[in-house]
Amino acid sequence: PSFPKRFLEPNVDLLCHTVSDVPPLEGLL
């Protein structure tokens, strides 16, 4: 329960797609 539930509901696929879309943080900065 530590992570905000709004990221898991109602569509958990959005979380997975968002994680996959995150670029390397070094390149981002």
PDB file of all heavy atoms in Angstrom:
ATOM      1  N   PRO A   1       0.796  -1.233   0.000  1.00  0.00           N
ATOM      2  CA  PRO A   1       0.000   0.000   0.000  1.00  0.00           C
ATOM      3  C   PRO A   1       0.826   1.280   0.000  1.00  0.00           C
ATOM      4  O   PRO A   1       0.263   2.358   0.085  1.00  0.00           O
ATOM      5  CB  PRO A   1      -0.777  -0.131   1.307  1.00  0.00           C
ATOM      6  CG  PRO A   1       0.180  -0.824   2.222  1.00  0.00           C
ATOM      7  CD  PRO A   1       0.957  -1.781   1.361  1.00  0.00           C
ATOM      8  N   SER A   2       2.165   1.160  -0.059  1.00  0.00           N
ATOM      9  CA  SER A   2       2.990   2.359   0.072  1.00  0.00           C
ATOM     10  C   SER A   2       2.917   3.248  -1.162  1.00  0.00           C
ATOM     11  O   SER A   2       3.041   4.468  -1.063  1.00  0.00           O
ATOM     12  CB  SER A   2       4.445   1.954   0.346  1.00  0.00           C
ATOM     13  OG  SER A   2       4.935   1.127  -0.699  1.00  0.00           O
ATOM     14  N   PHE A   3       2.729   2.656  -2.342  1.00  0.00           N
ATOM     15  CA  PHE A   3       2.708   3.442  -3.575  1.00  0.00           C
ATOM     16  C   PHE A   3       1.288   3.923  -3.855  1.00  0.00           C
ATOM     17  O   PHE A   3       0.325   3.193  -3.615  1.00  0.00           O
ATOM     18  CB  PHE A   3       3.216   2.589  -4.745  1.00  0.00           C
ATOM     19  CG  PHE A   3       3.552   3.387  -5.968  1.00  0.00           C
ATOM     20  CD1 PHE A   3       4.677   4.191  -5.990  1.00  0.00           C
ATOM     21  CD2 PHE A   3       2.741   3.339  -7.083  1.00  0.00           C
ATOM     22  CE1 PHE A   3       4.990   4.937  -7.114  1.00  0.00           C
ATOM     23  CE2 PHE A   3       3.040   4.077  -8.215  1.00  0.00           C
ATOM     24  CZ  PHE A   3       4.175   4.880  -8.224  1.00  0.00           C
ATOM     25  N   PRO A   4       1.123   5.163  -4.372  1.00  0.00           N
ATOM     26  CA  PRO A   4      -0.223   5.693  -4.628  1.00  0.00           C
ATOM     27  C   PRO A   4      -1.047   4.781  -5.532  1.00  0.00           C
ATOM     28  O   PRO A   4      -0.599   4.376  -6.597  1.00  0.00           O
ATOM     29  CB  PRO A   4       0.058   7.043  -5.302  1.00  0.00           C
ATOM     30  CG  PRO A   4       1.409   7.431  -4.819  1.00  0.00           C
ATOM     31  CD  PRO A   4       2.175   6.154  -4.663  1.00  0.00           C
ATOM     32  N   LYS A   5      -2.242   4.493  -5.103  1.00  0.00           N
ATOM     33  CA  LYS A   5      -3.105   3.552  -5.814  1.00  0.00           C
ATOM     34  C   LYS A   5      -3.607   4.110  -7.133  1.00  0.00           C
ATOM     35  O   LYS A   5      -4.004   3.345  -8.028  1.00  0.00           O
ATOM     36  CB  LYS A   5      -4.293   3.183  -4.912  1.00  0.00           C
ATOM     37  CG  LYS A   5      -4.930   1.848  -5.232  1.00  0.00           C
ATOM     38  CD  LYS A   5      -5.931   1.469  -4.170  1.00  0.00           C
ATOM     39  CE  LYS A   5      -6.508   0.082  -4.444  1.00  0.00           C
ATOM     40  NZ  LYS A   5      -7.462  -0.326  -3.376  1.00  0.00           N
ATOM     41  N   ARG A   6      -3.574   5.420  -7.301  1.00  0.00           N
ATOM     42  CA  ARG A   6      -4.117   6.026  -8.521  1.00  0.00           C
ATOM     43  C   ARG A   6      -3.350   5.600  -9.770  1.00  0.00           C
ATOM     44  O   ARG A   6      -3.875   5.670 -10.884  1.00  0.00           O
ATOM     45  CB  ARG A   6      -4.097   7.547  -8.405  1.00  0.00           C
ATOM     46  CG  ARG A   6      -2.709   8.172  -8.355  1.00  0.00           C
ATOM     47  CD  ARG A   6      -2.771   9.685  -8.249  1.00  0.00           C
ATOM     48  NE  ARG A   6      -1.468  10.309  -8.292  1.00  0.00           N
ATOM     49  CZ  ARG A   6      -0.706  10.517  -7.223  1.00  0.00           C
ATOM     50  NH1 ARG A   6      -1.137  10.140  -6.027  1.00  0.00           N
ATOM     51  NH2 ARG A   6       0.477  11.096  -7.342  1.00  0.00           N
ATOM     52  N   PHE A   7      -2.086   5.161  -9.606  1.00  0.00           N
ATOM     53  CA  PHE A   7      -1.303   4.728 -10.758  1.00  0.00           C
ATOM     54  C   PHE A   7      -1.662   3.308 -11.195  1.00  0.00           C
ATOM     55  O   PHE A   7      -1.283   2.884 -12.285  1.00  0.00           O
ATOM     56  CB  PHE A   7       0.197   4.800 -10.445  1.00  0.00           C
ATOM     57  CG  PHE A   7       0.732   6.201 -10.403  1.00  0.00           C
ATOM     58  CD1 PHE A   7       0.826   6.878  -9.198  1.00  0.00           C
ATOM     59  CD2 PHE A   7       1.127   6.851 -11.554  1.00  0.00           C
ATOM     60  CE1 PHE A   7       1.321   8.168  -9.137  1.00  0.00           C
ATOM     61  CE2 PHE A   7       1.619   8.147 -11.513  1.00  0.00           C
ATOM     62  CZ  PHE A   7       1.721   8.804 -10.307  1.00  0.00           C
ATOM     63  N   LEU A   8      -2.337   2.561 -10.333  1.00  0.00           N
ATOM     64  CA  LEU A   8      -2.681   1.175 -10.645  1.00  0.00           C
ATOM     65  C   LEU A   8      -4.131   1.006 -11.050  1.00  0.00           C
ATOM     66  O   LEU A   8      -4.513  -0.063 -11.535  1.00  0.00           O
ATOM     67  CB  LEU A   8      -2.387   0.286  -9.428  1.00  0.00           C
ATOM     68  CG  LEU A   8      -0.926   0.270  -8.963  1.00  0.00           C
ATOM     69  CD1 LEU A   8      -0.801  -0.487  -7.654  1.00  0.00           C
ATOM     70  CD2 LEU A   8      -0.044  -0.367 -10.023  1.00  0.00           C
ATOM     71  N   GLU A   9      -4.943   2.013 -10.834  1.00  0.00           N
ATOM     72  CA  GLU A   9      -6.364   1.925 -11.183  1.00  0.00           C
ATOM     73  C   GLU A   9      -6.752   3.143 -12.026  1.00  0.00           C
ATOM     74  O   GLU A   9      -6.218   4.244 -11.826  1.00  0.00           O
ATOM     75  CB  GLU A   9      -7.224   1.890  -9.907  1.00  0.00           C
ATOM     76  CG  GLU A   9      -6.986   0.664  -9.044  1.00  0.00           C
ATOM     77  CD  GLU A   9      -7.823   0.692  -7.774  1.00  0.00           C
ATOM     78  OE1 GLU A   9      -8.440   1.747  -7.495  1.00  0.00           O
ATOM     79  OE2 GLU A   9      -7.873  -0.331  -7.075  1.00  0.00           O
ATOM     80  N   PRO A  10      -7.705   2.984 -12.973  1.00  0.00           N
ATOM     81  CA  PRO A  10      -8.399   1.734 -13.304  1.00  0.00           C
ATOM     82  C   PRO A  10      -7.668   0.899 -14.338  1.00  0.00           C
ATOM     83  O   PRO A  10      -7.996  -0.252 -14.564  1.00  0.00           O
ATOM     84  CB  PRO A  10      -9.722   2.244 -13.879  1.00  0.00           C
ATOM     85  CG  PRO A  10      -9.343   3.551 -14.534  1.00  0.00           C
ATOM     86  CD  PRO A  10      -8.256   4.135 -13.684  1.00  0.00           C
ATOM     87  N   ASN A  11      -6.649   1.478 -15.025  1.00  0.00           N
ATOM     88  CA  ASN A  11      -5.982   0.791 -16.125  1.00  0.00           C
ATOM     89  C   ASN A  11      -4.507   0.612 -15.793  1.00  0.00           C
ATOM     90  O   ASN A  11      -3.727   1.562 -15.880  1.00  0.00           O
ATOM     91  CB  ASN A  11      -6.146   1.594 -17.423  1.00  0.00           C
ATOM     92  CG  ASN A  11      -5.571   0.864 -18.626  1.00  0.00           C
ATOM     93  OD1 ASN A  11      -5.189  -0.295 -18.515  1.00  0.00           O
ATOM     94  ND2 ASN A  11      -5.510   1.541 -19.743  1.00  0.00           N
ATOM     95  N   VAL A  12      -4.146  -0.605 -15.402  1.00  0.00           N
ATOM     96  CA  VAL A  12      -2.763  -0.855 -15.011  1.00  0.00           C
ATOM     97  C   VAL A  12      -1.829  -0.846 -16.222  1.00  0.00           C
ATOM     98  O   VAL A  12      -0.621  -0.650 -16.087  1.00  0.00           O
ATOM     99  CB  VAL A  12      -2.664  -2.190 -14.252  1.00  0.00           C
ATOM    100  CG1 VAL A  12      -2.818  -3.372 -15.207  1.00  0.00           C
ATOM    101  CG2 VAL A  12      -1.340  -2.298 -13.496  1.00  0.00           C
ATOM    102  N   ASP A  13      -2.382  -1.032 -17.423  1.00  0.00           N
ATOM    103  CA  ASP A  13      -1.546  -1.008 -18.624  1.00  0.00           C
ATOM    104  C   ASP A  13      -0.887   0.350 -18.808  1.00  0.00           C
ATOM    105  O   ASP A  13       0.217   0.447 -19.356  1.00  0.00           O
ATOM    106  CB  ASP A  13      -2.375  -1.351 -19.863  1.00  0.00           C
ATOM    107  CG  ASP A  13      -2.819  -2.803 -19.873  1.00  0.00           C
ATOM    108  OD1 ASP A  13      -2.145  -3.607 -19.209  1.00  0.00           O
ATOM    109  OD2 ASP A  13      -3.821  -3.121 -20.533  1.00  0.00           O
ATOM    110  N   LEU A  14      -1.565   1.406 -18.364  1.00  0.00           N
ATOM    111  CA  LEU A  14      -0.988   2.745 -18.488  1.00  0.00           C
ATOM    112  C   LEU A  14       0.302   2.845 -17.687  1.00  0.00           C
ATOM    113  O   LEU A  14       1.276   3.465 -18.129  1.00  0.00           O
ATOM    114  CB  LEU A  14      -1.997   3.793 -18.014  1.00  0.00           C
ATOM    115  CG  LEU A  14      -1.513   5.255 -18.054  1.00  0.00           C
ATOM    116  CD1 LEU A  14      -1.138   5.656 -19.470  1.00  0.00           C
ATOM    117  CD2 LEU A  14      -2.578   6.191 -17.494  1.00  0.00           C
ATOM    118  N   LEU A  15       0.328   2.235 -16.498  1.00  0.00           N
ATOM    119  CA  LEU A  15       1.548   2.248 -15.687  1.00  0.00           C
ATOM    120  C   LEU A  15       2.678   1.532 -16.409  1.00  0.00           C
ATOM    121  O   LEU A  15       3.805   2.041 -16.466  1.00  0.00           O
ATOM    122  CB  LEU A  15       1.283   1.583 -14.334  1.00  0.00           C
ATOM    123  CG  LEU A  15       2.513   1.385 -13.439  1.00  0.00           C
ATOM    124  CD1 LEU A  15       3.105   2.726 -13.033  1.00  0.00           C
ATOM    125  CD2 LEU A  15       2.157   0.566 -12.199  1.00  0.00           C
ATOM    126  N   CYS A  16       2.398   0.365 -16.975  1.00  0.00           N
ATOM    127  CA  CYS A  16       3.433  -0.401 -17.673  1.00  0.00           C
ATOM    128  C   CYS A  16       3.962   0.362 -18.886  1.00  0.00           C
ATOM    129  O   CYS A  16       5.177   0.411 -19.126  1.00  0.00           O
ATOM    130  CB  CYS A  16       2.880  -1.757 -18.104  1.00  0.00           C
ATOM    131  SG  CYS A  16       2.368  -2.814 -16.730  1.00  0.00           S
ATOM    132  N   HIS A  17       3.055   0.980 -19.641  1.00  0.00           N
ATOM    133  CA  HIS A  17       3.485   1.749 -20.811  1.00  0.00           C
ATOM    134  C   HIS A  17       4.298   2.967 -20.389  1.00  0.00           C
ATOM    135  O   HIS A  17       5.288   3.314 -21.044  1.00  0.00           O
ATOM    136  CB  HIS A  17       2.265   2.197 -21.623  1.00  0.00           C
ATOM    137  CG  HIS A  17       1.552   1.070 -22.312  1.00  0.00           C
ATOM    138  ND1 HIS A  17       2.220   0.058 -22.966  1.00  0.00           N
ATOM    139  CD2 HIS A  17       0.227   0.787 -22.442  1.00  0.00           C
ATOM    140  CE1 HIS A  17       1.362  -0.795 -23.476  1.00  0.00           C
ATOM    141  NE2 HIS A  17       0.134  -0.385 -23.167  1.00  0.00           N
ATOM    142  N   THR A  18       3.898   3.602 -19.305  1.00  0.00           N
ATOM    143  CA  THR A  18       4.624   4.784 -18.836  1.00  0.00           C
ATOM    144  C   THR A  18       6.029   4.412 -18.378  1.00  0.00           C
ATOM    145  O   THR A  18       6.995   5.116 -18.679  1.00  0.00           O
ATOM    146  CB  THR A  18       3.856   5.467 -17.689  1.00  0.00           C
ATOM    147  OG1 THR A  18       2.533   5.782 -18.113  1.00  0.00           O
ATOM    148  CG2 THR A  18       4.556   6.750 -17.269  1.00  0.00           C
ATOM    149  N   VAL A  19       6.149   3.298 -17.644  1.00  0.00           N
ATOM    150  CA  VAL A  19       7.467   2.832 -17.210  1.00  0.00           C
ATOM    151  C   VAL A  19       8.358   2.562 -18.417  1.00  0.00           C
ATOM    152  O   VAL A  19       9.548   2.917 -18.440  1.00  0.00           O
ATOM    153  CB  VAL A  19       7.335   1.561 -16.345  1.00  0.00           C
ATOM    154  CG1 VAL A  19       8.701   0.930 -16.092  1.00  0.00           C
ATOM    155  CG2 VAL A  19       6.655   1.898 -15.014  1.00  0.00           C
ATOM    156  N   SER A  20       7.781   1.948 -19.449  1.00  0.00           N
ATOM    157  CA  SER A  20       8.554   1.643 -20.658  1.00  0.00           C
ATOM    158  C   SER A  20       8.953   2.905 -21.422  1.00  0.00           C
ATOM    159  O   SER A  20       9.958   2.900 -22.145  1.00  0.00           O
ATOM    160  CB  SER A  20       7.744   0.721 -21.573  1.00  0.00           C
ATOM    161  OG  SER A  20       7.404  -0.483 -20.910  1.00  0.00           O
ATOM    162  N   ASP A  21       8.170   3.968 -21.273  1.00  0.00           N
ATOM    163  CA  ASP A  21       8.453   5.209 -21.997  1.00  0.00           C
ATOM    164  C   ASP A  21       9.496   6.090 -21.317  1.00  0.00           C
ATOM    165  O   ASP A  21       9.954   7.069 -21.916  1.00  0.00           O
ATOM    166  CB  ASP A  21       7.166   6.037 -22.151  1.00  0.00           C
ATOM    167  CG  ASP A  21       6.199   5.410 -23.149  1.00  0.00           C
ATOM    168  OD1 ASP A  21       6.647   4.562 -23.946  1.00  0.00           O
ATOM    169  OD2 ASP A  21       4.994   5.748 -23.106  1.00  0.00           O
ATOM    170  N   VAL A  22       9.847   5.774 -20.084  1.00  0.00           N
ATOM    171  CA  VAL A  22      10.817   6.612 -19.364  1.00  0.00           C
ATOM    172  C   VAL A  22      12.193   6.465 -20.008  1.00  0.00           C
ATOM    173  O   VAL A  22      12.723   5.359 -20.106  1.00  0.00           O
ATOM    174  CB  VAL A  22      10.878   6.223 -17.874  1.00  0.00           C
ATOM    175  CG1 VAL A  22      12.008   6.969 -17.168  1.00  0.00           C
ATOM    176  CG2 VAL A  22       9.549   6.527 -17.197  1.00  0.00           C
ATOM    177  N   PRO A  23      12.797   7.549 -20.454  1.00  0.00           N
ATOM    178  CA  PRO A  23      14.131   7.471 -21.062  1.00  0.00           C
ATOM    179  C   PRO A  23      15.205   7.287 -19.987  1.00  0.00           C
ATOM    180  O   PRO A  23      14.928   7.468 -18.801  1.00  0.00           O
ATOM    181  CB  PRO A  23      14.271   8.841 -21.748  1.00  0.00           C
ATOM    182  CG  PRO A  23      13.446   9.756 -20.895  1.00  0.00           C
ATOM    183  CD  PRO A  23      12.292   8.934 -20.395  1.00  0.00           C
ATOM    184  N   PRO A  24      16.423   6.913 -20.368  1.00  0.00           N
ATOM    185  CA  PRO A  24      17.511   6.864 -19.392  1.00  0.00           C
ATOM    186  C   PRO A  24      17.652   8.207 -18.683  1.00  0.00           C
ATOM    187  O   PRO A  24      17.681   9.253 -19.339  1.00  0.00           O
ATOM    188  CB  PRO A  24      18.741   6.543 -20.245  1.00  0.00           C
ATOM    189  CG  PRO A  24      18.188   5.865 -21.462  1.00  0.00           C
ATOM    190  CD  PRO A  24      16.854   6.496 -21.717  1.00  0.00           C
ATOM    191  N   LEU A  25      17.708   8.177 -17.372  1.00  0.00           N
ATOM    192  CA  LEU A  25      17.716   9.433 -16.612  1.00  0.00           C
ATOM    193  C   LEU A  25      18.950  10.269 -16.912  1.00  0.00           C
ATOM    194  O   LEU A  25      18.892  11.499 -16.898  1.00  0.00           O
ATOM    195  CB  LEU A  25      17.639   9.126 -15.112  1.00  0.00           C
ATOM    196  CG  LEU A  25      16.383   8.375 -14.650  1.00  0.00           C
ATOM    197  CD1 LEU A  25      16.370   8.253 -13.133  1.00  0.00           C
ATOM    198  CD2 LEU A  25      15.125   9.071 -15.136  1.00  0.00           C
ATOM    199  N   GLU A  26      20.059   9.617 -17.183  1.00  0.00           N
ATOM    200  CA  GLU A  26      21.274  10.363 -17.512  1.00  0.00           C
ATOM    201  C   GLU A  26      21.091  11.161 -18.795  1.00  0.00           C
ATOM    202  O   GLU A  26      21.466  12.334 -18.885  1.00  0.00           O
ATOM    203  CB  GLU A  26      22.458   9.400 -17.652  1.00  0.00           C
ATOM    204  CG  GLU A  26      23.780  10.088 -17.926  1.00  0.00           C
ATOM    205  CD  GLU A  26      24.932   9.109 -18.018  1.00  0.00           C
ATOM    206  OE1 GLU A  26      24.693   7.894 -17.892  1.00  0.00           O
ATOM    207  OE2 GLU A  26      26.072   9.560 -18.211  1.00  0.00           O
ATOM    208  N   GLY A  27      20.474  10.518 -19.809  1.00  0.00           N
ATOM    209  CA  GLY A  27      20.219  11.218 -21.063  1.00  0.00           C
ATOM    210  C   GLY A  27      19.208  12.334 -20.901  1.00  0.00           C
ATOM    211  O   GLY A  27      19.322  13.392 -21.521  1.00  0.00           O
ATOM    212  N   LEU A  28      18.200  12.094 -20.056  1.00  0.00           N
ATOM    213  CA  LEU A  28      17.182  13.112 -19.799  1.00  0.00           C
ATOM    214  C   LEU A  28      17.804  14.366 -19.197  1.00  0.00           C
ATOM    215  O   LEU A  28      17.577  15.485 -19.669  1.00  0.00           O
ATOM    216  CB  LEU A  28      16.119  12.550 -18.858  1.00  0.00           C
ATOM    217  CG  LEU A  28      15.075  13.525 -18.311  1.00  0.00           C
ATOM    218  CD1 LEU A  28      14.240  14.093 -19.436  1.00  0.00           C
ATOM    219  CD2 LEU A  28      14.188  12.839 -17.281  1.00  0.00           C
ATOM    220  N   LEU A  29      18.612  14.192 -18.172  1.00  0.00           N
ATOM    221  CA  LEU A  29      19.220  15.341 -17.505  1.00  0.00           C
ATOM    222  C   LEU A  29      20.244  16.026 -18.401  1.00  0.00           C
ATOM    223  O   LEU A  29      20.334  17.262 -18.431  1.00  0.00           O
ATOM    224  CB  LEU A  29      19.879  14.892 -16.200  1.00  0.00           C
ATOM    225  CG  LEU A  29      20.438  16.000 -15.313  1.00  0.00           C
ATOM    226  CD1 LEU A  29      19.338  16.971 -14.902  1.00  0.00           C
ATOM    227  CD2 LEU A  29      21.110  15.407 -14.067  1.00  0.00           C
TER     228      LEU A  29
END
